Amino acid sequence: MYAALDIATRYMLRGYDRLGAQERAARRILTMFNSGEHRPLMLANKAIAAVEKEEAEQPVATFPCAIPL
């Protein structure tokens, strides 16, 4: 489980701070680990995919570049 968390955290450090990456990955890895999946690479890959999917589904706040007068 710790190996999976380390793999996922290192991958996600590109877009998150270390604590944020660990927290997001740990929630998913723990759930899958308790469900019976114990292969580190599978746990890490599924956790990364879940986090990326969650990010893609969040609405992006956009601001107008220019305000018409």
C-alpha atoms as a PDB file:
ATOM      1  CA  MET A   1       0.000   0.000   0.000  1.00  0.00           C
ATOM      2  CA  TYR A   2       2.832   2.421   0.827  1.00  0.00           C
ATOM      3  CA  ALA A   3       4.568   1.667  -2.464  1.00  0.00           C
ATOM      4  CA  ALA A   4       1.372   2.512  -4.350  1.00  0.00           C
ATOM      5  CA  LEU A   5       0.998   5.764  -2.434  1.00  0.00           C
ATOM      6  CA  ASP A   6       4.601   6.690  -3.184  1.00  0.00           C
ATOM      7  CA  ILE A   7       4.176   5.985  -6.912  1.00  0.00           C
ATOM      8  CA  ALA A   8       0.935   7.964  -7.172  1.00  0.00           C
ATOM      9  CA  THR A   9       2.269  10.861  -5.116  1.00  0.00           C
ATOM     10  CA  ARG A  10       5.426  11.192  -7.210  1.00  0.00           C
ATOM     11  CA  TYR A  11       3.347  11.238 -10.384  1.00  0.00           C
ATOM     12  CA  MET A  12       0.882  13.813  -9.085  1.00  0.00           C
ATOM     13  CA  LEU A  13       3.524  16.199  -7.712  1.00  0.00           C
ATOM     14  CA  ARG A  14       3.425  17.961 -11.065  1.00  0.00           C
ATOM     15  CA  GLY A  15       0.039  19.508 -10.337  1.00  0.00           C
ATOM     16  CA  TYR A  16      -0.356  19.434  -6.565  1.00  0.00           C
ATOM     17  CA  ASP A  17       1.611  20.193  -3.454  1.00  0.00           C
ATOM     18  CA  ARG A  18       2.980  17.082  -1.748  1.00  0.00           C
ATOM     19  CA  LEU A  19       0.382  16.980   1.022  1.00  0.00           C
ATOM     20  CA  GLY A  20      -2.483  17.492  -1.424  1.00  0.00           C
ATOM     21  CA  ALA A  21      -1.194  14.763  -3.717  1.00  0.00           C
ATOM     22  CA  GLN A  22      -0.779  12.295  -0.871  1.00  0.00           C
ATOM     23  CA  GLU A  23      -4.215  13.025   0.574  1.00  0.00           C
ATOM     24  CA  ARG A  24      -6.020  12.626  -2.752  1.00  0.00           C
ATOM     25  CA  ALA A  25      -4.201   9.411  -3.647  1.00  0.00           C
ATOM     26  CA  ALA A  26      -4.417   7.916  -0.151  1.00  0.00           C
ATOM     27  CA  ARG A  27      -8.225   8.097  -0.029  1.00  0.00           C
ATOM     28  CA  ARG A  28      -8.570   6.114  -3.232  1.00  0.00           C
ATOM     29  CA  ILE A  29      -5.748   3.652  -2.531  1.00  0.00           C
ATOM     30  CA  LEU A  30      -7.094   2.842   0.922  1.00  0.00           C
ATOM     31  CA  THR A  31     -10.565   2.166  -0.454  1.00  0.00           C
ATOM     32  CA  MET A  32      -9.233  -0.145  -3.171  1.00  0.00           C
ATOM     33  CA  PHE A  33      -6.813  -1.850  -0.766  1.00  0.00           C
ATOM     34  CA  ASN A  34      -9.651  -2.619   1.633  1.00  0.00           C
ATOM     35  CA  SER A  35     -11.654  -4.005  -1.302  1.00  0.00           C
ATOM     36  CA  GLY A  36      -8.951  -6.587  -1.970  1.00  0.00           C
ATOM     37  CA  GLU A  37      -6.614  -5.015  -4.541  1.00  0.00           C
ATOM     38  CA  HIS A  38      -3.029  -5.294  -3.251  1.00  0.00           C
ATOM     39  CA  ARG A  39      -0.886  -4.818  -6.378  1.00  0.00           C
ATOM     40  CA  PRO A  40       0.991  -1.507  -5.960  1.00  0.00           C
ATOM     41  CA  LEU A  41       1.074  -0.506  -9.622  1.00  0.00           C
ATOM     42  CA  MET A  42      -2.616  -1.239 -10.091  1.00  0.00           C
ATOM     43  CA  LEU A  43      -3.492   0.740  -6.964  1.00  0.00           C
ATOM     44  CA  ALA A  44      -1.365   3.688  -8.075  1.00  0.00           C
ATOM     45  CA  ASN A  45      -2.704   3.707 -11.632  1.00  0.00           C
ATOM     46  CA  LYS A  46      -6.329   3.559 -10.521  1.00  0.00           C
ATOM     47  CA  ALA A  47      -5.799   6.286  -7.930  1.00  0.00           C
ATOM     48  CA  ILE A  48      -4.138   8.564 -10.492  1.00  0.00           C
ATOM     49  CA  ALA A  49      -6.920   7.935 -12.995  1.00  0.00           C
ATOM     50  CA  ALA A  50      -9.590   8.694 -10.383  1.00  0.00           C
ATOM     51  CA  VAL A  51      -7.935  11.961  -9.360  1.00  0.00           C
ATOM     52  CA  GLU A  52      -7.490  13.052 -12.979  1.00  0.00           C
ATOM     53  CA  LYS A  53     -11.112  12.186 -13.759  1.00  0.00           C
ATOM     54  CA  GLU A  54     -12.271  14.184 -10.745  1.00  0.00           C
ATOM     55  CA  GLU A  55     -10.199  17.154 -11.909  1.00  0.00           C
ATOM     56  CA  ALA A  56     -11.627  16.955 -15.431  1.00  0.00           C
ATOM     57  CA  GLU A  57     -15.199  16.941 -14.118  1.00  0.00           C
ATOM     58  CA  GLN A  58     -14.774  20.045 -11.987  1.00  0.00           C
ATOM     59  CA  PRO A  59     -16.035  23.192 -13.676  1.00  0.00           C
ATOM     60  CA  VAL A  60     -13.329  25.662 -14.546  1.00  0.00           C
ATOM     61  CA  ALA A  61     -13.911  29.225 -13.451  1.00  0.00           C
ATOM     62  CA  THR A  62     -13.374  31.562 -16.352  1.00  0.00           C
ATOM     63  CA  PHE A  63     -13.131  35.300 -16.269  1.00  0.00           C
ATOM     64  CA  PRO A  64     -13.696  37.538 -19.265  1.00  0.00           C
ATOM     65  CA  CYS A  65     -10.493  38.937 -20.670  1.00  0.00           C
ATOM     66  CA  ALA A  66     -12.056  42.222 -21.663  1.00  0.00           C
ATOM     67  CA  ILE A  67     -15.168  43.892 -20.416  1.00  0.00           C
ATOM     68  CA  PRO A  68     -17.169  45.584 -23.164  1.00  0.00           C
ATOM     69  CA  LEU A  69     -17.805  49.271 -22.531  1.00  0.00           C
END
